C-alpha atoms as a PDB file:
ATOM      1  CA  MET A   1      20.193  82.716 -43.306  1.00  0.00           C
ATOM      2  CA  ALA A   2      17.831  84.808 -40.361  1.00  0.00           C
ATOM      3  CA  GLY A   3      14.624  86.059 -41.446  1.00  0.00           C
ATOM      4  CA  VAL A   4      13.978  89.100 -41.770  1.00  0.00           C
ATOM      5  CA  ALA A   5      10.351  91.253 -41.241  1.00  0.00           C
ATOM      6  CA  LEU A   6       8.754  93.436 -43.326  1.00  0.00           C
ATOM      7  CA  GLN A   7       5.917  95.849 -43.263  1.00  0.00           C
ATOM      8  CA  HIS A   8       4.872  95.427 -46.959  1.00  0.00           C
ATOM      9  CA  SER A   9       6.407  94.032 -50.099  1.00  0.00           C
ATOM     10  CA  THR A  10       6.154  93.893 -53.287  1.00  0.00           C
ATOM     11  CA  VAL A  11       5.047  90.188 -55.130  1.00  0.00           C
ATOM     12  CA  ASP A  12       6.748  89.871 -59.385  1.00  0.00           C
ATOM     13  CA  ALA A  13       7.073  86.371 -60.521  1.00  0.00           C
ATOM     14  CA  LEU A  14       9.248  84.429 -58.278  1.00  0.00           C
ATOM     15  CA  GLY A  15       7.084  85.583 -55.244  1.00  0.00           C
ATOM     16  CA  LEU A  16       8.474  88.066 -52.905  1.00  0.00           C
ATOM     17  CA  ALA A  17      10.841  90.781 -54.409  1.00  0.00           C
ATOM     18  CA  GLY A  18      14.394  89.723 -53.102  1.00  0.00           C
ATOM     19  CA  ASP A  19      13.425  86.112 -51.465  1.00  0.00           C
ATOM     20  CA  ARG A  20      15.262  83.314 -52.067  1.00  0.00           C
ATOM     21  CA  ARG A  21      16.633  84.789 -55.083  1.00  0.00           C
ATOM     22  CA  TRP A  22      20.465  84.491 -53.701  1.00  0.00           C
ATOM     23  CA  MET A  23      22.770  81.122 -52.669  1.00  0.00           C
ATOM     24  CA  VAL A  24      25.133  80.289 -50.610  1.00  0.00           C
ATOM     25  CA  VAL A  25      26.832  77.012 -52.549  1.00  0.00           C
ATOM     26  CA  ASP A  26      30.170  75.126 -52.216  1.00  0.00           C
ATOM     27  CA  ALA A  27      32.869  76.888 -54.411  1.00  0.00           C
ATOM     28  CA  GLN A  28      33.839  73.295 -55.736  1.00  0.00           C
ATOM     29  CA  THR A  29      31.019  71.199 -56.422  1.00  0.00           C
ATOM     30  CA  GLY A  30      27.903  74.505 -57.060  1.00  0.00           C
ATOM     31  CA  LYS A  31      25.921  72.632 -54.204  1.00  0.00           C
ATOM     32  CA  PHE A  32      23.475  74.734 -52.071  1.00  0.00           C
ATOM     33  CA  ILE A  33      24.284  75.202 -48.302  1.00  0.00           C
ATOM     34  CA  THR A  34      21.886  75.144 -45.834  1.00  0.00           C
ATOM     35  CA  GLN A  35      21.809  75.711 -42.569  1.00  0.00           C
ATOM     36  CA  ARG A  36      21.242  71.390 -41.884  1.00  0.00           C
ATOM     37  CA  GLN A  37      24.406  71.842 -42.962  1.00  0.00           C
ATOM     38  CA  VAL A  38      26.025  75.048 -41.089  1.00  0.00           C
ATOM     39  CA  ALA A  39      24.238  75.994 -38.624  1.00  0.00           C
ATOM     40  CA  SER A  40      26.252  79.175 -37.649  1.00  0.00           C
ATOM     41  CA  MET A  41      24.267  80.426 -41.296  1.00  0.00           C
ATOM     42  CA  GLY A  42      21.204  81.360 -38.963  1.00  0.00           C
ATOM     43  CA  LEU A  43      23.210  84.002 -37.263  1.00  0.00           C
ATOM     44  CA  LEU A  44      23.271  85.660 -40.706  1.00  0.00           C
ATOM     45  CA  SER A  45      21.142  87.996 -42.498  1.00  0.00           C
ATOM     46  CA  ALA A  46      20.606  89.236 -45.706  1.00  0.00           C
ATOM     47  CA  VAL A  47      17.997  92.136 -46.230  1.00  0.00           C
ATOM     48  CA  HIS A  48      17.123  92.865 -49.921  1.00  0.00           C
ATOM     49  CA  ALA A  49      18.649  96.825 -49.525  1.00  0.00           C
ATOM     50  CA  ALA A  50      17.581  98.211 -52.935  1.00  0.00           C
ATOM     51  CA  GLU A  51      16.343  96.573 -56.344  1.00  0.00           C
ATOM     52  CA  ASP A  52      19.594  95.859 -57.341  1.00  0.00           C
ATOM     53  CA  SER A  53      22.181  95.155 -54.184  1.00  0.00           C
ATOM     54  CA  LEU A  54      21.799  93.012 -51.177  1.00  0.00           C
ATOM     55  CA  LEU A  55      22.869  94.101 -47.706  1.00  0.00           C
ATOM     56  CA  LEU A  56      25.036  91.027 -45.828  1.00  0.00           C
ATOM     57  CA  ARG A  57      25.446  91.557 -41.428  1.00  0.00           C
ATOM     58  CA  ASP A  58      26.538  89.221 -39.529  1.00  0.00           C
ATOM     59  CA  ALA A  59      26.066  88.639 -36.195  1.00  0.00           C
ATOM     60  CA  GLN A  60      28.572  91.719 -34.599  1.00  0.00           C
ATOM     61  CA  GLY A  61      27.312  93.926 -37.422  1.00  0.00           C
ATOM     62  CA  GLN A  62      30.023  93.828 -39.828  1.00  0.00           C
ATOM     63  CA  GLN A  63      28.450  94.636 -42.939  1.00  0.00           C
ATOM     64  CA  LEU A  64      28.938  94.044 -46.599  1.00  0.00           C
ATOM     65  CA  SER A  65      26.394  95.648 -49.645  1.00  0.00           C
ATOM     66  CA  ILE A  66      26.796  93.071 -52.630  1.00  0.00           C
ATOM     67  CA  ASP A  67      25.390  94.473 -56.075  1.00  0.00           C
ATOM     68  CA  VAL A  68      23.376  92.428 -57.751  1.00  0.00           C
ATOM     69  CA  PRO A  69      25.505  90.213 -60.511  1.00  0.00           C
ATOM     70  CA  ASN A  70      24.656  90.692 -63.922  1.00  0.00           C
ATOM     71  CA  GLY A  71      26.183  88.966 -67.429  1.00  0.00           C
ATOM     72  CA  ALA A  72      26.722  85.857 -68.959  1.00  0.00           C
ATOM     73  CA  GLN A  73      30.738  86.257 -67.889  1.00  0.00           C
ATOM     74  CA  SER A  74      29.455  85.797 -64.156  1.00  0.00           C
ATOM     75  CA  GLU A  75      27.244  82.801 -64.527  1.00  0.00           C
ATOM     76  CA  ARG A  76      27.870  79.262 -62.603  1.00  0.00           C
ATOM     77  CA  THR A  77      26.668  76.093 -62.484  1.00  0.00           C
ATOM     78  CA  VAL A  78      25.015  75.034 -59.318  1.00  0.00           C
ATOM     79  CA  GLN A  79      22.366  72.853 -57.649  1.00  0.00           C
ATOM     80  CA  VAL A  80      19.338  73.348 -55.383  1.00  0.00           C
ATOM     81  CA  TRP A  81      17.978  69.457 -54.686  1.00  0.00           C
ATOM     82  CA  GLY A  82      17.610  67.749 -57.952  1.00  0.00           C
ATOM     83  CA  ASP A  83      17.574  70.684 -59.573  1.00  0.00           C
ATOM     84  CA  THR A  84      20.750  71.596 -61.893  1.00  0.00           C
ATOM     85  CA  LEU A  85      20.725  75.391 -63.871  1.00  0.00           C
ATOM     86  CA  GLN A  86      23.073  78.586 -64.150  1.00  0.00           C
ATOM     87  CA  ALA A  87      22.864  81.232 -61.949  1.00  0.00           C
ATOM     88  CA  LEU A  88      25.042  84.422 -61.556  1.00  0.00           C
ATOM     89  CA  ASP A  89      27.879  84.766 -58.985  1.00  0.00           C
ATOM     90  CA  ALA A  90      28.040  87.758 -56.849  1.00  0.00           C
ATOM     91  CA  GLY A  91      31.941  88.056 -56.755  1.00  0.00           C
ATOM     92  CA  GLU A  92      35.094  87.737 -54.676  1.00  0.00           C
ATOM     93  CA  ALA A  93      34.180  89.763 -52.176  1.00  0.00           C
ATOM     94  CA  ALA A  94      31.119  88.287 -51.391  1.00  0.00           C
ATOM     95  CA  ALA A  95      32.589  84.668 -51.109  1.00  0.00           C
ATOM     96  CA  GLN A  96      35.419  85.903 -48.975  1.00  0.00           C
ATOM     97  CA  TRP A  97      33.225  87.668 -46.349  1.00  0.00           C
ATOM     98  CA  LEU A  98      30.874  84.266 -46.371  1.00  0.00           C
ATOM     99  CA  THR A  99      33.998  82.118 -46.181  1.00  0.00           C
ATOM    100  CA  HIS A 100      35.658  83.658 -43.368  1.00  0.00           C
ATOM    101  CA  ARG A 101      32.145  83.828 -41.444  1.00  0.00           C
ATOM    102  CA  LEU A 102      31.119  79.878 -42.610  1.00  0.00           C
ATOM    103  CA  GLY A 103      34.392  78.641 -42.686  1.00  0.00           C
ATOM    104  CA  ARG A 104      34.369  76.708 -45.860  1.00  0.00           C
ATOM    105  CA  ASP A 105      34.986  77.585 -49.455  1.00  0.00           C
ATOM    106  CA  CYS A 106      31.679  78.991 -50.784  1.00  0.00           C
ATOM    107  CA  ARG A 107      30.316  81.311 -53.342  1.00  0.00           C
ATOM    108  CA  LEU A 108      27.346  83.659 -53.693  1.00  0.00           C
ATOM    109  CA  VAL A 109      25.036  83.459 -56.655  1.00  0.00           C
ATOM    110  CA  TYR A 110      22.306  84.794 -57.816  1.00  0.00           C
ATOM    111  CA  VAL A 111      19.153  83.860 -59.823  1.00  0.00           C
ATOM    112  CA  ASP A 112      16.605  86.461 -61.721  1.00  0.00           C
ATOM    113  CA  GLU A 113      13.377  85.360 -63.722  1.00  0.00           C
ATOM    114  CA  PRO A 114      15.390  83.885 -67.453  1.00  0.00           C
ATOM    115  CA  ARG A 115      17.231  81.216 -65.021  1.00  0.00           C
ATOM    116  CA  ALA A 116      14.469  80.360 -62.625  1.00  0.00           C
ATOM    117  CA  ARG A 117      13.382  76.991 -62.332  1.00  0.00           C
ATOM    118  CA  GLN A 118      10.118  75.335 -62.570  1.00  0.00           C
ATOM    119  CA  VAL A 119       7.803  74.836 -59.966  1.00  0.00           C
ATOM    120  CA  ALA A 120       6.981  71.089 -60.136  1.00  0.00           C
ATOM    121  CA  LEU A 121       3.960  71.023 -62.746  1.00  0.00           C
ATOM    122  CA  GLU A 122       1.413  68.339 -60.243  1.00  0.00           C
ATOM    123  CA  TYR A 123       1.255  71.457 -58.412  1.00  0.00           C
ATOM    124  CA  ALA A 124       1.569  74.812 -60.878  1.00  0.00           C
ATOM    125  CA  ALA A 125       1.424  75.433 -64.787  1.00  0.00           C
ATOM    126  CA  ALA A 126       3.286  75.610 -67.000  1.00  0.00           C
ATOM    127  CA  GLY A 127       5.471  78.633 -66.991  1.00  0.00           C
ATOM    128  CA  ASP A 128       5.243  79.033 -62.552  1.00  0.00           C
ATOM    129  CA  LYS A 129       8.757  79.485 -60.987  1.00  0.00           C
ATOM    130  CA  VAL A 130      10.943  79.632 -58.374  1.00  0.00           C
ATOM    131  CA  GLY A 131      14.087  80.618 -57.197  1.00  0.00           C
ATOM    132  CA  PHE A 132      16.067  79.421 -55.108  1.00  0.00           C
ATOM    133  CA  ALA A 133      13.483  77.776 -52.391  1.00  0.00           C
ATOM    134  CA  ASP A 134      12.908  74.535 -51.542  1.00  0.00           C
ATOM    135  CA  GLY A 135       9.648  74.071 -54.327  1.00  0.00           C
ATOM    136  CA  PHE A 136       7.844  76.647 -53.431  1.00  0.00           C
ATOM    137  CA  SER A 137       8.294  81.155 -53.929  1.00  0.00           C
ATOM    138  CA  LEU A 138       5.470  81.496 -50.654  1.00  0.00           C
ATOM    139  CA  LEU A 139       4.492  80.093 -47.217  1.00  0.00           C
ATOM    140  CA  LEU A 140       1.883  80.797 -45.131  1.00  0.00           C
ATOM    141  CA  ILE A 141       1.013  79.300 -41.658  1.00  0.00           C
ATOM    142  CA  GLY A 142      -1.896  80.049 -39.412  1.00  0.00           C
ATOM    143  CA  GLN A 143      -0.738  82.095 -36.431  1.00  0.00           C
ATOM    144  CA  ALA A 144      -3.597  80.163 -34.741  1.00  0.00           C
ATOM    145  CA  SER A 145      -2.165  76.740 -35.704  1.00  0.00           C
ATOM    146  CA  LEU A 146       1.721  78.133 -34.288  1.00  0.00           C
ATOM    147  CA  ASP A 147      -0.461  78.971 -31.300  1.00  0.00           C
ATOM    148  CA  ASP A 148      -1.925  75.583 -31.350  1.00  0.00           C
ATOM    149  CA  LEU A 149       1.593  73.881 -30.949  1.00  0.00           C
ATOM    150  CA  SER A 150       2.849  75.938 -28.406  1.00  0.00           C
ATOM    151  CA  ALA A 151       0.121  75.095 -25.951  1.00  0.00           C
ATOM    152  CA  ARG A 152       0.530  71.351 -26.967  1.00  0.00           C
ATOM    153  CA  ILE A 153       4.189  71.509 -26.170  1.00  0.00           C
ATOM    154  CA  GLY A 154       3.914  74.194 -23.046  1.00  0.00           C
ATOM    155  CA  ARG A 155       6.039  76.351 -24.138  1.00  0.00           C
ATOM    156  CA  PRO A 156       5.786  79.548 -27.135  1.00  0.00           C
ATOM    157  CA  MET A 157       7.805  78.391 -30.396  1.00  0.00           C
ATOM    158  CA  SER A 158       8.604  81.227 -32.592  1.00  0.00           C
ATOM    159  CA  MET A 159       7.725  81.696 -36.049  1.00  0.00           C
ATOM    160  CA  LEU A 160      11.065  82.098 -37.056  1.00  0.00           C
ATOM    161  CA  ARG A 161      11.638  78.376 -36.841  1.00  0.00           C
ATOM    162  CA  PHE A 162       9.469  78.114 -39.697  1.00  0.00           C
ATOM    163  CA  ARG A 163      10.244  80.624 -41.941  1.00  0.00           C
ATOM    164  CA  PRO A 164       7.010  81.423 -43.711  1.00  0.00           C
ATOM    165  CA  ASN A 165       6.911  84.356 -46.311  1.00  0.00           C
ATOM    166  CA  LEU A 166       3.289  84.770 -44.850  1.00  0.00           C
ATOM    167  CA  VAL A 167       1.556  84.625 -41.335  1.00  0.00           C
ATOM    168  CA  VAL A 168      -2.343  85.254 -41.194  1.00  0.00           C
ATOM    169  CA  SER A 169      -4.045  86.007 -38.045  1.00  0.00           C
ATOM    170  CA  GLY A 170      -7.812  85.505 -37.420  1.00  0.00           C
ATOM    171  CA  ALA A 171      -8.650  81.740 -38.423  1.00  0.00           C
ATOM    172  CA  GLU A 172      -8.880  78.806 -36.442  1.00  0.00           C
ATOM    173  CA  PRO A 173      -5.623  76.367 -36.006  1.00  0.00           C
ATOM    174  CA  TYR A 174      -5.165  75.030 -39.364  1.00  0.00           C
ATOM    175  CA  ALA A 175      -7.930  76.198 -41.380  1.00  0.00           C
ATOM    176  CA  GLU A 176      -5.184  77.028 -43.915  1.00  0.00           C
ATOM    177  CA  ASP A 177      -5.088  73.076 -44.593  1.00  0.00           C
ATOM    178  CA  THR A 178      -8.860  73.852 -45.856  1.00  0.00           C
ATOM    179  CA  TRP A 179      -8.193  76.228 -47.970  1.00  0.00           C
ATOM    180  CA  GLN A 180      -7.937  75.940 -52.116  1.00  0.00           C
ATOM    181  CA  ARG A 181      -7.464  79.429 -52.964  1.00  0.00           C
ATOM    182  CA  ILE A 182      -7.051  83.051 -51.315  1.00  0.00           C
ATOM    183  CA  ARG A 183      -7.103  86.867 -52.485  1.00  0.00           C
ATOM    184  CA  ILE A 184      -4.721  89.117 -50.544  1.00  0.00           C
ATOM    185  CA  GLY A 185      -5.646  92.502 -52.445  1.00  0.00           C
ATOM    186  CA  ASP A 186      -5.411  92.047 -56.005  1.00  0.00           C
ATOM    187  CA  ILE A 187      -3.629  88.804 -55.838  1.00  0.00           C
ATOM    188  CA  GLU A 188      -4.855  85.473 -55.625  1.00  0.00           C
ATOM    189  CA  PHE A 189      -3.235  82.628 -54.605  1.00  0.00           C
ATOM    190  CA  SER A 190      -3.468  78.676 -54.890  1.00  0.00           C
ATOM    191  CA  LEU A 191      -2.357  76.463 -51.755  1.00  0.00           C
ATOM    192  CA  ALA A 192      -0.638  73.696 -53.968  1.00  0.00           C
ATOM    193  CA  LYS A 193       0.899  71.509 -51.164  1.00  0.00           C
ATOM    194  CA  PRO A 194       0.957  71.288 -46.723  1.00  0.00           C
ATOM    195  CA  CYS A 195       4.720  71.943 -46.320  1.00  0.00           C
ATOM    196  CA  SER A 196       7.317  69.238 -45.231  1.00  0.00           C
ATOM    197  CA  ARG A 197       9.707  69.783 -42.741  1.00  0.00           C
ATOM    198  CA  CYS A 198      12.818  69.138 -42.124  1.00  0.00           C
ATOM    199  CA  VAL A 199      15.087  69.786 -38.862  1.00  0.00           C
ATOM    200  CA  ILE A 200      15.822  73.129 -39.017  1.00  0.00           C
ATOM    201  CA  PRO A 201      12.727  73.940 -36.466  1.00  0.00           C
ATOM    202  CA  THR A 202      14.308  71.572 -33.683  1.00  0.00           C
ATOM    203  CA  ARG A 203      17.071  74.942 -33.808  1.00  0.00           C
ATOM    204  CA  ASP A 204      16.500  77.601 -31.426  1.00  0.00           C
ATOM    205  CA  PRO A 205      16.536  80.237 -34.189  1.00  0.00           C
ATOM    206  CA  PHE A 206      18.714  82.851 -31.554  1.00  0.00           C
ATOM    207  CA  THR A 207      21.262  80.575 -30.415  1.00  0.00           C
ATOM    208  CA  LEU A 208      21.037  78.164 -32.669  1.00  0.00           C
ATOM    209  CA  LEU A 209      21.080  75.313 -30.261  1.00  0.00           C
ATOM    210  CA  ALA A 210      19.058  71.820 -31.494  1.00  0.00           C
ATOM    211  CA  GLU A 211      16.270  71.540 -28.340  1.00  0.00           C
ATOM    212  CA  PRO A 212      17.341  68.399 -26.138  1.00  0.00           C
ATOM    213  CA  ASP A 213      14.062  67.334 -26.554  1.00  0.00           C
ATOM    214  CA  GLY A 214      13.938  67.514 -29.738  1.00  0.00           C
ATOM    215  CA  GLU A 215      10.684  70.190 -30.516  1.00  0.00           C
ATOM    216  CA  PRO A 216       8.585  71.374 -32.116  1.00  0.00           C
ATOM    217  CA  LEU A 217       8.716  68.066 -34.432  1.00  0.00           C
ATOM    218  CA  THR A 218       8.465  65.807 -31.475  1.00  0.00           C
ATOM    219  CA  THR A 219       4.674  66.653 -30.947  1.00  0.00           C
ATOM    220  CA  LEU A 220       4.135  67.410 -34.243  1.00  0.00           C
ATOM    221  CA  LYS A 221       5.096  63.821 -34.952  1.00  0.00           C
ATOM    222  CA  THR A 222       1.894  62.932 -32.769  1.00  0.00           C
ATOM    223  CA  TYR A 223      -0.863  64.705 -34.761  1.00  0.00           C
ATOM    224  CA  ARG A 224       0.685  66.547 -38.240  1.00  0.00           C
ATOM    225  CA  ARG A 225       2.666  63.489 -39.518  1.00  0.00           C
ATOM    226  CA  ARG A 226       1.424  61.541 -42.938  1.00  0.00           C
ATOM    227  CA  ASP A 227       2.664  58.989 -45.513  1.00  0.00           C
ATOM    228  CA  GLY A 228       6.313  59.023 -42.749  1.00  0.00           C
ATOM    229  CA  GLN A 229       6.287  63.190 -43.390  1.00  0.00           C
ATOM    230  CA  ILE A 230       5.590  66.329 -40.939  1.00  0.00           C
ATOM    231  CA  PHE A 231       3.503  68.846 -42.393  1.00  0.00           C
ATOM    232  CA  PHE A 232       3.218  72.751 -40.832  1.00  0.00           C
ATOM    233  CA  GLY A 233       2.527  75.017 -43.350  1.00  0.00           C
ATOM    234  CA  GLN A 234       1.068  75.871 -46.560  1.00  0.00           C
ATOM    235  CA  ASN A 235       3.223  75.971 -49.663  1.00  0.00           C
ATOM    236  CA  LEU A 236       1.634  78.643 -52.050  1.00  0.00           C
ATOM    237  CA  VAL A 237       1.339  79.517 -55.430  1.00  0.00           C
ATOM    238  CA  HIS A 238       0.734  83.032 -56.920  1.00  0.00           C
ATOM    239  CA  HIS A 239      -1.312  83.959 -59.943  1.00  0.00           C
ATOM    240  CA  ALA A 240      -0.236  87.633 -60.597  1.00  0.00           C
ATOM    241  CA  VAL A 241       2.272  90.008 -59.612  1.00  0.00           C
ATOM    242  CA  GLY A 242       1.611  93.436 -57.133  1.00  0.00           C
ATOM    243  CA  GLN A 243       1.697  94.403 -53.244  1.00  0.00           C
ATOM    244  CA  LEU A 244       1.820  93.769 -50.170  1.00  0.00           C
ATOM    245  CA  GLN A 245       1.218  95.311 -46.743  1.00  0.00           C
ATOM    246  CA  LEU A 246       1.451  94.094 -43.329  1.00  0.00           C
ATOM    247  CA  GLY A 247      -2.478  93.894 -42.296  1.00  0.00           C
ATOM    248  CA  MET A 248      -4.152  92.859 -45.438  1.00  0.00           C
ATOM    249  CA  PRO A 249      -7.902  91.060 -45.445  1.00  0.00           C
ATOM    250  CA  VAL A 250      -7.375  87.718 -46.373  1.00  0.00           C
ATOM    251  CA  GLU A 251     -10.336  86.402 -48.277  1.00  0.00           C
ATOM    252  CA  VAL A 252     -10.936  82.482 -48.799  1.00  0.00           C
ATOM    253  CA  LEU A 253     -11.865  81.679 -52.516  1.00  0.00           C
ATOM    254  CA  ALA A 254     -12.693  77.837 -51.797  1.00  0.00           C
END
């Protein structure tokens, strides 16, 4: 769904509070559904309204408030890439609301910390968990990196295309590629691996139309390609919980 800009956020065991905890799945198979399959998901937004609720909103302003489900009676088996796990079904109202707007039979599910997935041990320690993100709870991109990419393309690219959790300013383009550990406030983060990009950035985040020239991937292929993949941004693993606020300084530790 569409990204939401925040002024501040709590970082808990699974990343930013409420982020990547909810997922739309196929009602029959339990497999995850994303904008890769259903582009119109980009017209919907989901806001973590309170600790125990989610607010869904469509392009016409129609809203639905959903309480965080609880209890084993609502468990449903779901799949994210190659991972199969138990999640909590959000109920019929959410399922009908999404099915009507997305044009396919789907369910909304929620993952809590006990049911969360282990981050790949190649990049993290045992006990480091992730919700419904592809592989990592946090993605960092430098504003200067996006500015450099836009200059190479010849027109501005929105950061919304890349869906980072954290955007940093004041560094050189792609400086984040060289960082190993950073601190923001009281929280330390390891930069685990570069983020490989799918086709989603080629869709305009406001119109959802695919760019005829395939940008920004067309340009990224010319200088950000390695081992058959295109990389832009850095996946993070966090080593503490705490608070983040817009404007906090970033300290590079290594």
